[in-house]
Amino acid sequence: RRADGVIVVGQSLHHESLNHIATSGFPVVVWGARLPDQRYVSVGSDNEAGGHDATAHLVSQGCRRIVFLGDAGAPEVAARLKGYRRALREAGIARVAQHEVPVRFGSDSAYHAVASLVGGGADFDGIVACSDVFAISAMRALAERGRKVPADVAIVGFDDIPFAAYTTPPLTTIRQNCHAGARLLVEN
């Protein structure tokens, strides 16, 4: 108890643990999604709108076979997937279950998933990646297999990490306003 409170960045799969901490009376605020029965304060982006906007952008660029990379077990990613599906419906594009590829944070799974898609002959022309790191990993896997970005496969990431501007080509990404989020995390 040597801290006045805790800021947790990365809600992930820890909803019940965070609820437990919040009910103990210890101040906690979380960067993440708003969830049912939530007892802690959360600050985050509109993940569903971000997933929708990323997908709608690819549709506007002519993509019709769009892959989603992300683990929907994480609440923020589940909301992005919901937005992806909504954008596909609005565009009249049928959902393809094989295009929703579960990719976990903290590993090379995005790279391996895209390599497997290409190696298996999957037909796709766009990728919505639930993070910029996944998008950059996908770019590498595509380049190593002779696919050009964006000519063969267009990609949109999520986060707008500084490194995204230095990829070749620069990564199109959904920007999270981390400065405003950080201010709200501290204020709450």
N, C-alpha and C. Protein backbone atom coordinates (compact mmCIF):
# COMPACT_ATOMS: atom_id res chain seq x y z
N ARG A 1 0.81 -1.21 0.00
CA ARG A 1 0.00 0.00 0.00
C ARG A 1 0.85 1.26 0.00
N ARG A 2 1.95 1.25 -0.70
CA ARG A 2 2.82 2.42 -0.75
C ARG A 2 2.51 3.31 -1.95
N ALA A 3 1.44 2.99 -2.64
CA ALA A 3 1.03 3.81 -3.78
C ALA A 3 -0.37 4.37 -3.50
N ASP A 4 -0.66 5.52 -4.09
CA ASP A 4 -1.97 6.13 -3.92
C ASP A 4 -3.01 5.51 -4.84
N GLY A 5 -2.55 4.85 -5.87
CA GLY A 5 -3.44 4.21 -6.83
C GLY A 5 -2.62 3.54 -7.92
N VAL A 6 -3.31 2.84 -8.80
CA VAL A 6 -2.63 2.12 -9.87
C VAL A 6 -3.30 2.43 -11.20
N ILE A 7 -2.48 2.64 -12.22
CA ILE A 7 -2.95 2.75 -13.59
C ILE A 7 -2.53 1.48 -14.30
N VAL A 8 -3.48 0.78 -14.88
CA VAL A 8 -3.20 -0.47 -15.59
C VAL A 8 -3.37 -0.20 -17.08
N VAL A 9 -2.32 -0.42 -17.83
CA VAL A 9 -2.38 -0.28 -19.28
C VAL A 9 -2.43 -1.69 -19.85
N GLY A 10 -3.56 -2.02 -20.45
CA GLY A 10 -3.72 -3.35 -21.00
C GLY A 10 -4.70 -4.19 -20.20
N GLN A 11 -5.95 -3.95 -20.38
CA GLN A 11 -7.02 -4.66 -19.70
C GLN A 11 -6.99 -6.15 -20.03
N SER A 12 -6.79 -6.45 -21.30
CA SER A 12 -6.67 -7.81 -21.79
C SER A 12 -7.71 -8.74 -21.20
N LEU A 13 -7.28 -9.83 -20.62
CA LEU A 13 -8.20 -10.84 -20.09
C LEU A 13 -8.31 -10.78 -18.57
N HIS A 14 -8.03 -9.61 -17.99
CA HIS A 14 -7.93 -9.48 -16.54
C HIS A 14 -9.13 -8.80 -15.90
N HIS A 15 -10.28 -8.82 -16.56
CA HIS A 15 -11.46 -8.12 -16.08
C HIS A 15 -11.84 -8.51 -14.65
N GLU A 16 -11.93 -9.79 -14.36
CA GLU A 16 -12.34 -10.24 -13.01
C GLU A 16 -11.32 -9.83 -11.96
N SER A 17 -10.04 -9.93 -12.26
CA SER A 17 -9.01 -9.51 -11.31
C SER A 17 -9.09 -8.02 -11.05
N LEU A 18 -9.33 -7.25 -12.09
CA LEU A 18 -9.45 -5.80 -11.95
C LEU A 18 -10.69 -5.45 -11.12
N ASN A 19 -11.78 -6.16 -11.34
CA ASN A 19 -12.97 -5.95 -10.51
C ASN A 19 -12.67 -6.23 -9.04
N HIS A 20 -11.92 -7.30 -8.78
CA HIS A 20 -11.55 -7.66 -7.41
C HIS A 20 -10.73 -6.54 -6.76
N ILE A 21 -9.75 -6.03 -7.50
CA ILE A 21 -8.91 -4.94 -6.96
C ILE A 21 -9.79 -3.72 -6.67
N ALA A 22 -10.69 -3.41 -7.59
CA ALA A 22 -11.54 -2.23 -7.43
C ALA A 22 -12.45 -2.34 -6.20
N THR A 23 -12.93 -3.54 -5.91
CA THR A 23 -13.82 -3.71 -4.75
C THR A 23 -13.05 -3.70 -3.43
N SER A 24 -11.73 -3.79 -3.49
CA SER A 24 -10.92 -3.75 -2.27
C SER A 24 -10.76 -2.33 -1.74
N GLY A 25 -11.21 -1.36 -2.54
CA GLY A 25 -11.09 0.03 -2.12
C GLY A 25 -9.82 0.71 -2.58
N PHE A 26 -8.94 -0.05 -3.20
CA PHE A 26 -7.70 0.53 -3.72
C PHE A 26 -7.99 1.21 -5.06
N PRO A 27 -7.63 2.47 -5.24
CA PRO A 27 -7.94 3.18 -6.49
C PRO A 27 -7.21 2.56 -7.69
N VAL A 28 -7.98 2.23 -8.71
CA VAL A 28 -7.42 1.66 -9.94
C VAL A 28 -8.17 2.24 -11.12
N VAL A 29 -7.42 2.58 -12.16
CA VAL A 29 -8.00 3.02 -13.41
C VAL A 29 -7.28 2.26 -14.52
N VAL A 30 -8.03 1.88 -15.56
CA VAL A 30 -7.53 0.95 -16.56
C VAL A 30 -7.66 1.54 -17.95
N TRP A 31 -6.61 1.40 -18.77
CA TRP A 31 -6.72 1.69 -20.19
C TRP A 31 -7.35 0.47 -20.83
N GLY A 32 -8.58 0.63 -21.31
CA GLY A 32 -9.27 -0.51 -21.90
C GLY A 32 -10.69 -0.18 -22.28
N ALA A 33 -11.48 -1.22 -22.46
CA ALA A 33 -12.87 -1.10 -22.91
C ALA A 33 -13.82 -1.04 -21.70
N ARG A 34 -15.02 -0.57 -21.96
CA ARG A 34 -16.08 -0.61 -20.95
C ARG A 34 -16.75 -1.97 -21.05
N LEU A 35 -16.81 -2.71 -19.94
CA LEU A 35 -17.34 -4.07 -19.95
C LEU A 35 -18.53 -4.20 -19.01
N PRO A 36 -19.39 -5.19 -19.25
CA PRO A 36 -20.52 -5.41 -18.35
C PRO A 36 -20.04 -5.70 -16.93
N ASP A 37 -20.80 -5.22 -15.95
CA ASP A 37 -20.50 -5.45 -14.53
C ASP A 37 -19.14 -4.91 -14.09
N GLN A 38 -18.65 -3.93 -14.80
CA GLN A 38 -17.34 -3.35 -14.49
C GLN A 38 -17.42 -2.50 -13.22
N ARG A 39 -16.48 -2.71 -12.30
CA ARG A 39 -16.45 -1.96 -11.04
C ARG A 39 -15.27 -1.00 -10.97
N TYR A 40 -14.49 -0.92 -12.00
CA TYR A 40 -13.34 -0.03 -12.05
C TYR A 40 -13.54 0.99 -13.18
N VAL A 41 -12.79 2.07 -13.07
CA VAL A 41 -12.84 3.12 -14.09
C VAL A 41 -11.97 2.69 -15.26
N SER A 42 -12.48 2.90 -16.47
CA SER A 42 -11.64 2.63 -17.65
C SER A 42 -11.66 3.83 -18.57
N VAL A 43 -10.54 3.99 -19.24
CA VAL A 43 -10.35 5.03 -20.24
C VAL A 43 -9.85 4.32 -21.48
N GLY A 44 -10.38 4.69 -22.63
CA GLY A 44 -9.91 4.04 -23.85
C GLY A 44 -10.48 4.67 -25.09
N SER A 45 -10.12 4.09 -26.21
CA SER A 45 -10.58 4.55 -27.51
C SER A 45 -11.91 3.90 -27.85
N ASP A 46 -12.56 4.42 -28.86
CA ASP A 46 -13.76 3.78 -29.40
C ASP A 46 -13.27 2.69 -30.35
N ASN A 47 -13.02 1.53 -29.80
CA ASN A 47 -12.43 0.44 -30.56
C ASN A 47 -13.33 -0.06 -31.68
N GLU A 48 -14.63 -0.08 -31.44
CA GLU A 48 -15.54 -0.52 -32.51
C GLU A 48 -15.49 0.45 -33.69
N ALA A 49 -15.51 1.74 -33.40
CA ALA A 49 -15.41 2.73 -34.48
C ALA A 49 -14.08 2.60 -35.21
N GLY A 50 -13.01 2.33 -34.47
CA GLY A 50 -11.70 2.15 -35.10
C GLY A 50 -11.66 0.96 -36.03
N GLY A 51 -12.22 -0.18 -35.59
CA GLY A 51 -12.28 -1.36 -36.45
C GLY A 51 -13.12 -1.12 -37.68
N HIS A 52 -14.22 -0.39 -37.49
CA HIS A 52 -15.09 -0.03 -38.61
C HIS A 52 -14.36 0.87 -39.59
N ASP A 53 -13.73 1.92 -39.07
CA ASP A 53 -13.05 2.88 -39.94
C ASP A 53 -11.89 2.25 -40.72
N ALA A 54 -11.14 1.36 -40.05
CA ALA A 54 -10.04 0.68 -40.73
C ALA A 54 -10.56 -0.16 -41.88
N THR A 55 -11.63 -0.90 -41.64
CA THR A 55 -12.21 -1.76 -42.67
C THR A 55 -12.84 -0.94 -43.78
N ALA A 56 -13.58 0.09 -43.41
CA ALA A 56 -14.23 0.95 -44.42
C ALA A 56 -13.18 1.61 -45.31
N HIS A 57 -12.04 1.97 -44.73
CA HIS A 57 -10.96 2.55 -45.54
C HIS A 57 -10.48 1.56 -46.59
N LEU A 58 -10.26 0.32 -46.17
CA LEU A 58 -9.81 -0.69 -47.13
C LEU A 58 -10.86 -0.93 -48.20
N VAL A 59 -12.13 -0.95 -47.82
CA VAL A 59 -13.21 -1.11 -48.80
C VAL A 59 -13.18 0.05 -49.78
N SER A 60 -12.97 1.27 -49.29
CA SER A 60 -12.93 2.45 -50.17
C SER A 60 -11.75 2.40 -51.13
N GLN A 61 -10.73 1.62 -50.79
CA GLN A 61 -9.55 1.45 -51.65
C GLN A 61 -9.73 0.29 -52.63
N GLY A 62 -10.89 -0.35 -52.59
CA GLY A 62 -11.19 -1.43 -53.53
C GLY A 62 -11.01 -2.83 -52.97
N CYS A 63 -10.63 -2.97 -51.72
CA CYS A 63 -10.45 -4.29 -51.12
C CYS A 63 -11.82 -4.94 -50.87
N ARG A 64 -11.90 -6.23 -51.12
CA ARG A 64 -13.14 -6.97 -50.92
C ARG A 64 -12.92 -8.27 -50.13
N ARG A 65 -11.68 -8.69 -49.98
CA ARG A 65 -11.34 -9.92 -49.26
C ARG A 65 -10.37 -9.54 -48.14
N ILE A 66 -10.96 -9.10 -47.04
CA ILE A 66 -10.18 -8.45 -45.98
C ILE A 66 -10.03 -9.38 -44.77
N VAL A 67 -8.79 -9.56 -44.35
CA VAL A 67 -8.44 -10.38 -43.20
C VAL A 67 -8.42 -9.49 -41.95
N PHE A 68 -8.86 -10.04 -40.83
CA PHE A 68 -8.76 -9.37 -39.53
C PHE A 68 -7.76 -10.16 -38.69
N LEU A 69 -6.73 -9.49 -38.17
CA LEU A 69 -5.72 -10.12 -37.32
C LEU A 69 -5.89 -9.64 -35.89
N GLY A 70 -6.26 -10.53 -34.98
CA GLY A 70 -6.36 -10.15 -33.58
C GLY A 70 -7.10 -11.20 -32.77
N ASP A 71 -6.83 -11.22 -31.48
CA ASP A 71 -7.45 -12.17 -30.56
C ASP A 71 -8.68 -11.54 -29.93
N ALA A 72 -9.85 -11.96 -30.38
CA ALA A 72 -11.10 -11.39 -29.90
C ALA A 72 -11.39 -11.73 -28.44
N GLY A 73 -10.53 -12.51 -27.80
CA GLY A 73 -10.67 -12.76 -26.38
C GLY A 73 -10.38 -11.51 -25.55
N ALA A 74 -9.58 -10.61 -26.10
CA ALA A 74 -9.30 -9.33 -25.44
C ALA A 74 -10.43 -8.36 -25.76
N PRO A 75 -11.01 -7.70 -24.76
CA PRO A 75 -12.18 -6.85 -24.99
C PRO A 75 -11.99 -5.77 -26.05
N GLU A 76 -10.83 -5.11 -26.04
CA GLU A 76 -10.60 -4.07 -27.04
C GLU A 76 -10.60 -4.64 -28.45
N VAL A 77 -10.00 -5.79 -28.61
CA VAL A 77 -9.93 -6.44 -29.93
C VAL A 77 -11.31 -6.94 -30.34
N ALA A 78 -12.08 -7.45 -29.40
CA ALA A 78 -13.44 -7.90 -29.71
C ALA A 78 -14.27 -6.75 -30.27
N ALA A 79 -14.10 -5.57 -29.70
CA ALA A 79 -14.82 -4.39 -30.21
C ALA A 79 -14.34 -4.02 -31.62
N ARG A 80 -13.05 -4.12 -31.87
CA ARG A 80 -12.52 -3.83 -33.21
C ARG A 80 -13.05 -4.83 -34.22
N LEU A 81 -13.15 -6.09 -33.82
CA LEU A 81 -13.71 -7.12 -34.69
C LEU A 81 -15.18 -6.83 -34.99
N LYS A 82 -15.90 -6.38 -34.00
CA LYS A 82 -17.31 -6.01 -34.20
C LYS A 82 -17.43 -4.89 -35.23
N GLY A 83 -16.55 -3.90 -35.15
CA GLY A 83 -16.54 -2.82 -36.13
C GLY A 83 -16.17 -3.30 -37.52
N TYR A 84 -15.21 -4.21 -37.59
CA TYR A 84 -14.81 -4.83 -38.86
C TYR A 84 -16.00 -5.52 -39.51
N ARG A 85 -16.70 -6.33 -38.72
CA ARG A 85 -17.85 -7.06 -39.26
C ARG A 85 -18.95 -6.11 -39.72
N ARG A 86 -19.17 -5.04 -38.96
CA ARG A 86 -20.21 -4.07 -39.33
C ARG A 86 -19.86 -3.39 -40.65
N ALA A 87 -18.60 -3.01 -40.82
CA ALA A 87 -18.18 -2.37 -42.07
C ALA A 87 -18.34 -3.31 -43.25
N LEU A 88 -18.02 -4.59 -43.06
CA LEU A 88 -18.21 -5.56 -44.13
C LEU A 88 -19.69 -5.66 -44.50
N ARG A 89 -20.56 -5.76 -43.49
CA ARG A 89 -22.02 -5.83 -43.75
C ARG A 89 -22.49 -4.61 -44.52
N GLU A 90 -22.06 -3.43 -44.07
CA GLU A 90 -22.49 -2.19 -44.72
C GLU A 90 -22.04 -2.14 -46.17
N ALA A 91 -20.91 -2.76 -46.49
CA ALA A 91 -20.39 -2.78 -47.86
C ALA A 91 -20.97 -3.92 -48.68
N GLY A 92 -21.79 -4.77 -48.04
CA GLY A 92 -22.36 -5.91 -48.75
C GLY A 92 -21.36 -7.02 -49.01
N ILE A 93 -20.33 -7.08 -48.16
CA ILE A 93 -19.29 -8.11 -48.29
C ILE A 93 -19.58 -9.22 -47.28
N ALA A 94 -19.65 -10.45 -47.78
CA ALA A 94 -19.93 -11.59 -46.92
C ALA A 94 -18.75 -11.84 -45.97
N ARG A 95 -19.08 -12.16 -44.74
CA ARG A 95 -18.07 -12.51 -43.74
C ARG A 95 -17.50 -13.88 -44.07
N VAL A 96 -16.18 -13.98 -44.02
CA VAL A 96 -15.49 -15.26 -44.25
C VAL A 96 -14.77 -15.62 -42.95
N ALA A 97 -15.21 -16.68 -42.31
CA ALA A 97 -14.66 -17.06 -41.00
C ALA A 97 -13.14 -17.23 -41.04
N GLN A 98 -12.62 -17.77 -42.13
CA GLN A 98 -11.17 -17.99 -42.24
C GLN A 98 -10.39 -16.68 -42.33
N HIS A 99 -11.08 -15.59 -42.60
CA HIS A 99 -10.42 -14.28 -42.66
C HIS A 99 -10.32 -13.62 -41.29
N GLU A 100 -10.91 -14.22 -40.28
CA GLU A 100 -10.80 -13.72 -38.91
C GLU A 100 -9.77 -14.59 -38.20
N VAL A 101 -8.55 -14.10 -38.15
CA VAL A 101 -7.41 -14.89 -37.71
C VAL A 101 -7.01 -14.50 -36.28
N PRO A 102 -7.16 -15.43 -35.32
CA PRO A 102 -6.78 -15.11 -33.94
C PRO A 102 -5.26 -14.99 -33.81
N VAL A 103 -4.84 -13.84 -33.35
CA VAL A 103 -3.42 -13.55 -33.19
C VAL A 103 -3.23 -12.96 -31.80
N ARG A 104 -2.37 -13.57 -31.01
CA ARG A 104 -2.14 -13.12 -29.64
C ARG A 104 -1.02 -12.08 -29.58
N PHE A 105 -1.17 -11.16 -28.64
CA PHE A 105 -0.13 -10.15 -28.40
C PHE A 105 1.10 -10.81 -27.80
N GLY A 106 2.25 -10.19 -28.03
CA GLY A 106 3.47 -10.64 -27.40
C GLY A 106 4.17 -11.80 -28.07
N SER A 107 3.91 -12.01 -29.34
CA SER A 107 4.59 -13.11 -30.04
C SER A 107 4.70 -12.75 -31.52
N ASP A 108 5.28 -13.66 -32.28
CA ASP A 108 5.38 -13.47 -33.73
C ASP A 108 4.17 -14.08 -34.44
N SER A 109 3.08 -14.23 -33.73
CA SER A 109 1.94 -14.93 -34.31
C SER A 109 1.34 -14.22 -35.52
N ALA A 110 1.40 -12.90 -35.57
CA ALA A 110 0.88 -12.19 -36.76
C ALA A 110 1.73 -12.53 -37.98
N TYR A 111 3.04 -12.52 -37.81
CA TYR A 111 3.94 -12.88 -38.91
C TYR A 111 3.63 -14.30 -39.40
N HIS A 112 3.55 -15.24 -38.47
CA HIS A 112 3.31 -16.64 -38.85
C HIS A 112 1.92 -16.84 -39.43
N ALA A 113 0.94 -16.11 -38.92
CA ALA A 113 -0.42 -16.23 -39.45
C ALA A 113 -0.50 -15.78 -40.90
N VAL A 114 0.13 -14.65 -41.20
CA VAL A 114 0.10 -14.14 -42.58
C VAL A 114 0.93 -15.05 -43.48
N ALA A 115 2.06 -15.52 -43.00
CA ALA A 115 2.86 -16.47 -43.78
C ALA A 115 2.04 -17.72 -44.11
N SER A 116 1.28 -18.20 -43.13
CA SER A 116 0.43 -19.38 -43.36
C SER A 116 -0.69 -19.09 -44.35
N LEU A 117 -1.28 -17.92 -44.25
CA LEU A 117 -2.33 -17.55 -45.20
C LEU A 117 -1.80 -17.57 -46.63
N VAL A 118 -0.66 -16.91 -46.82
CA VAL A 118 -0.06 -16.86 -48.15
C VAL A 118 0.34 -18.26 -48.60
N GLY A 119 1.02 -18.99 -47.73
CA GLY A 119 1.47 -20.34 -48.06
C GLY A 119 0.34 -21.30 -48.36
N GLY A 120 -0.79 -21.07 -47.72
CA GLY A 120 -1.96 -21.93 -47.93
C GLY A 120 -2.84 -21.50 -49.10
N GLY A 121 -2.42 -20.45 -49.79
CA GLY A 121 -3.18 -20.01 -50.96
C GLY A 121 -4.42 -19.20 -50.65
N ALA A 122 -4.53 -18.65 -49.45
CA ALA A 122 -5.70 -17.84 -49.09
C ALA A 122 -5.80 -16.64 -50.03
N ASP A 123 -7.02 -16.30 -50.39
CA ASP A 123 -7.28 -15.20 -51.31
C ASP A 123 -7.71 -13.98 -50.50
N PHE A 124 -6.80 -13.02 -50.32
CA PHE A 124 -7.13 -11.79 -49.59
C PHE A 124 -6.39 -10.61 -50.21
N ASP A 125 -7.02 -9.45 -50.10
CA ASP A 125 -6.41 -8.24 -50.67
C ASP A 125 -6.29 -7.12 -49.65
N GLY A 126 -6.67 -7.37 -48.41
CA GLY A 126 -6.56 -6.37 -47.36
C GLY A 126 -6.41 -7.01 -46.01
N ILE A 127 -5.81 -6.27 -45.08
CA ILE A 127 -5.65 -6.74 -43.70
C ILE A 127 -5.98 -5.60 -42.76
N VAL A 128 -6.86 -5.88 -41.81
CA VAL A 128 -7.07 -5.00 -40.66
C VAL A 128 -6.34 -5.66 -39.51
N ALA A 129 -5.30 -5.02 -39.03
CA ALA A 129 -4.51 -5.55 -37.93
C ALA A 129 -4.89 -4.80 -36.66
N CYS A 130 -5.11 -5.54 -35.58
CA CYS A 130 -5.59 -4.89 -34.35
C CYS A 130 -4.48 -4.12 -33.63
N SER A 131 -3.28 -4.14 -34.17
CA SER A 131 -2.20 -3.31 -33.63
C SER A 131 -1.21 -3.00 -34.76
N ASP A 132 -0.46 -1.93 -34.59
CA ASP A 132 0.56 -1.59 -35.58
C ASP A 132 1.67 -2.64 -35.61
N VAL A 133 1.99 -3.22 -34.46
CA VAL A 133 3.03 -4.27 -34.43
C VAL A 133 2.59 -5.45 -35.29
N PHE A 134 1.32 -5.83 -35.19
CA PHE A 134 0.80 -6.91 -36.04
C PHE A 134 0.86 -6.51 -37.51
N ALA A 135 0.51 -5.26 -37.80
CA ALA A 135 0.52 -4.79 -39.19
C ALA A 135 1.94 -4.82 -39.76
N ILE A 136 2.90 -4.38 -38.98
CA ILE A 136 4.29 -4.37 -39.43
C ILE A 136 4.79 -5.81 -39.62
N SER A 137 4.41 -6.71 -38.73
CA SER A 137 4.76 -8.12 -38.89
C SER A 137 4.14 -8.69 -40.16
N ALA A 138 2.90 -8.32 -40.43
CA ALA A 138 2.23 -8.77 -41.65
C ALA A 138 2.94 -8.24 -42.89
N MET A 139 3.36 -6.98 -42.84
CA MET A 139 4.10 -6.40 -43.98
C MET A 139 5.36 -7.20 -44.26
N ARG A 140 6.07 -7.58 -43.21
CA ARG A 140 7.30 -8.36 -43.38
C ARG A 140 7.00 -9.72 -44.00
N ALA A 141 5.98 -10.39 -43.48
CA ALA A 141 5.63 -11.72 -44.00
C ALA A 141 5.24 -11.62 -45.47
N LEU A 142 4.49 -10.59 -45.83
CA LEU A 142 4.09 -10.42 -47.23
C LEU A 142 5.29 -10.13 -48.12
N ALA A 143 6.15 -9.21 -47.68
CA ALA A 143 7.33 -8.85 -48.48
C ALA A 143 8.23 -10.06 -48.72
N GLU A 144 8.42 -10.88 -47.70
CA GLU A 144 9.27 -12.06 -47.83
C GLU A 144 8.68 -13.09 -48.79
N ARG A 145 7.39 -12.96 -49.07
CA ARG A 145 6.72 -13.91 -49.97
C ARG A 145 6.35 -13.27 -51.30
N GLY A 146 6.99 -12.12 -51.58
CA GLY A 146 6.82 -11.48 -52.87
C GLY A 146 5.54 -10.69 -53.07
N ARG A 147 4.82 -10.42 -52.00
CA ARG A 147 3.58 -9.62 -52.08
C ARG A 147 3.91 -8.17 -51.77
N LYS A 148 3.38 -7.28 -52.61
CA LYS A 148 3.64 -5.84 -52.43
C LYS A 148 2.50 -5.20 -51.64
N VAL A 149 2.90 -4.31 -50.72
CA VAL A 149 1.95 -3.51 -49.94
C VAL A 149 2.06 -2.08 -50.46
N PRO A 150 0.99 -1.46 -50.90
CA PRO A 150 -0.39 -1.89 -50.88
C PRO A 150 -0.90 -2.46 -52.21
N ALA A 151 -0.05 -2.60 -53.21
CA ALA A 151 -0.51 -3.04 -54.53
C ALA A 151 -1.21 -4.40 -54.50
N ASP A 152 -0.63 -5.36 -53.77
CA ASP A 152 -1.23 -6.70 -53.69
C ASP A 152 -2.14 -6.86 -52.47
N VAL A 153 -1.69 -6.33 -51.34
CA VAL A 153 -2.44 -6.40 -50.10
C VAL A 153 -2.30 -5.07 -49.37
N ALA A 154 -3.42 -4.41 -49.14
CA ALA A 154 -3.42 -3.16 -48.38
C ALA A 154 -3.59 -3.49 -46.90
N ILE A 155 -2.97 -2.68 -46.04
CA ILE A 155 -2.98 -2.97 -44.60
C ILE A 155 -3.31 -1.69 -43.83
N VAL A 156 -4.12 -1.86 -42.78
CA VAL A 156 -4.36 -0.79 -41.81
C VAL A 156 -4.05 -1.35 -40.43
N GLY A 157 -3.26 -0.61 -39.67
CA GLY A 157 -2.93 -0.98 -38.30
C GLY A 157 -3.81 -0.24 -37.31
N PHE A 158 -3.46 -0.34 -36.05
CA PHE A 158 -4.21 0.32 -34.98
C PHE A 158 -3.24 0.73 -33.90
N ASP A 159 -3.19 1.96 -33.54
CA ASP A 159 -2.42 2.57 -32.45
C ASP A 159 -1.73 3.85 -32.90
N ASP A 160 -1.14 3.85 -34.08
CA ASP A 160 -0.31 4.94 -34.58
C ASP A 160 0.94 5.12 -33.73
N ILE A 161 1.67 4.01 -33.57
CA ILE A 161 2.95 4.10 -32.88
C ILE A 161 3.91 4.91 -33.74
N PRO A 162 4.87 5.60 -33.14
CA PRO A 162 5.79 6.44 -33.92
C PRO A 162 6.50 5.69 -35.05
N PHE A 163 6.84 4.43 -34.83
CA PHE A 163 7.57 3.65 -35.83
C PHE A 163 6.75 3.42 -37.11
N ALA A 164 5.43 3.54 -37.03
CA ALA A 164 4.57 3.29 -38.20
C ALA A 164 4.90 4.21 -39.37
N ALA A 165 5.38 5.39 -39.09
CA ALA A 165 5.73 6.34 -40.16
C ALA A 165 7.01 5.95 -40.89
N TYR A 166 7.78 5.03 -40.31
CA TYR A 166 9.07 4.68 -40.88
C TYR A 166 9.08 3.34 -41.62
N THR A 167 7.93 2.69 -41.72
CA THR A 167 7.87 1.47 -42.51
C THR A 167 7.86 1.85 -43.99
N THR A 168 8.10 0.87 -44.84
CA THR A 168 8.07 1.12 -46.28
C THR A 168 7.03 0.20 -46.90
N PRO A 169 5.92 0.76 -47.40
CA PRO A 169 5.50 2.16 -47.32
C PRO A 169 5.08 2.50 -45.89
N PRO A 170 4.92 3.82 -45.60
CA PRO A 170 4.45 4.18 -44.26
C PRO A 170 3.10 3.51 -43.99
N LEU A 171 2.91 3.06 -42.77
CA LEU A 171 1.72 2.31 -42.40
C LEU A 171 0.52 3.23 -42.21
N THR A 172 -0.59 2.89 -42.84
CA THR A 172 -1.86 3.53 -42.56
C THR A 172 -2.36 2.93 -41.26
N THR A 173 -2.80 3.77 -40.33
CA THR A 173 -3.15 3.27 -39.01
C THR A 173 -4.26 4.11 -38.38
N ILE A 174 -4.97 3.50 -37.46
CA ILE A 174 -5.99 4.19 -36.67
C ILE A 174 -5.28 4.76 -35.45
N ARG A 175 -5.38 6.06 -35.28
CA ARG A 175 -4.66 6.74 -34.21
C ARG A 175 -5.46 6.72 -32.91
N GLN A 176 -4.81 6.27 -31.85
CA GLN A 176 -5.37 6.42 -30.51
C GLN A 176 -4.74 7.67 -29.90
N ASN A 177 -5.55 8.49 -29.29
CA ASN A 177 -5.04 9.71 -28.69
C ASN A 177 -4.47 9.39 -27.31
N CYS A 178 -3.24 8.95 -27.30
CA CYS A 178 -2.60 8.51 -26.06
C CYS A 178 -2.35 9.66 -25.09
N HIS A 179 -2.10 10.86 -25.60
CA HIS A 179 -1.86 12.00 -24.71
C HIS A 179 -3.12 12.34 -23.92
N ALA A 180 -4.25 12.41 -24.61
CA ALA A 180 -5.52 12.68 -23.91
C ALA A 180 -5.86 11.52 -22.98
N GLY A 181 -5.62 10.28 -23.45
CA GLY A 181 -5.88 9.11 -22.62
C GLY A 181 -5.05 9.12 -21.35
N ALA A 182 -3.78 9.47 -21.47
CA ALA A 182 -2.89 9.51 -20.30
C ALA A 182 -3.38 10.56 -19.29
N ARG A 183 -3.79 11.71 -19.80
CA ARG A 183 -4.29 12.75 -18.92
C ARG A 183 -5.54 12.26 -18.15
N LEU A 184 -6.45 11.60 -18.88
CA LEU A 184 -7.67 11.08 -18.24
C LEU A 184 -7.36 9.96 -17.24
N LEU A 185 -6.41 9.13 -17.55
CA LEU A 185 -6.02 8.06 -16.62
C LEU A 185 -5.54 8.65 -15.29
N VAL A 186 -4.74 9.70 -15.36
CA VAL A 186 -4.21 10.31 -14.14
C VAL A 186 -5.31 11.06 -13.39
N GLU A 187 -6.21 11.73 -14.12
CA GLU A 187 -7.26 12.50 -13.48
C GLU A 187 -8.31 11.63 -12.80
N ASN A 188 -8.48 10.41 -13.31
CA ASN A 188 -9.51 9.54 -12.74
C ASN A 188 -8.94 8.72 -11.61
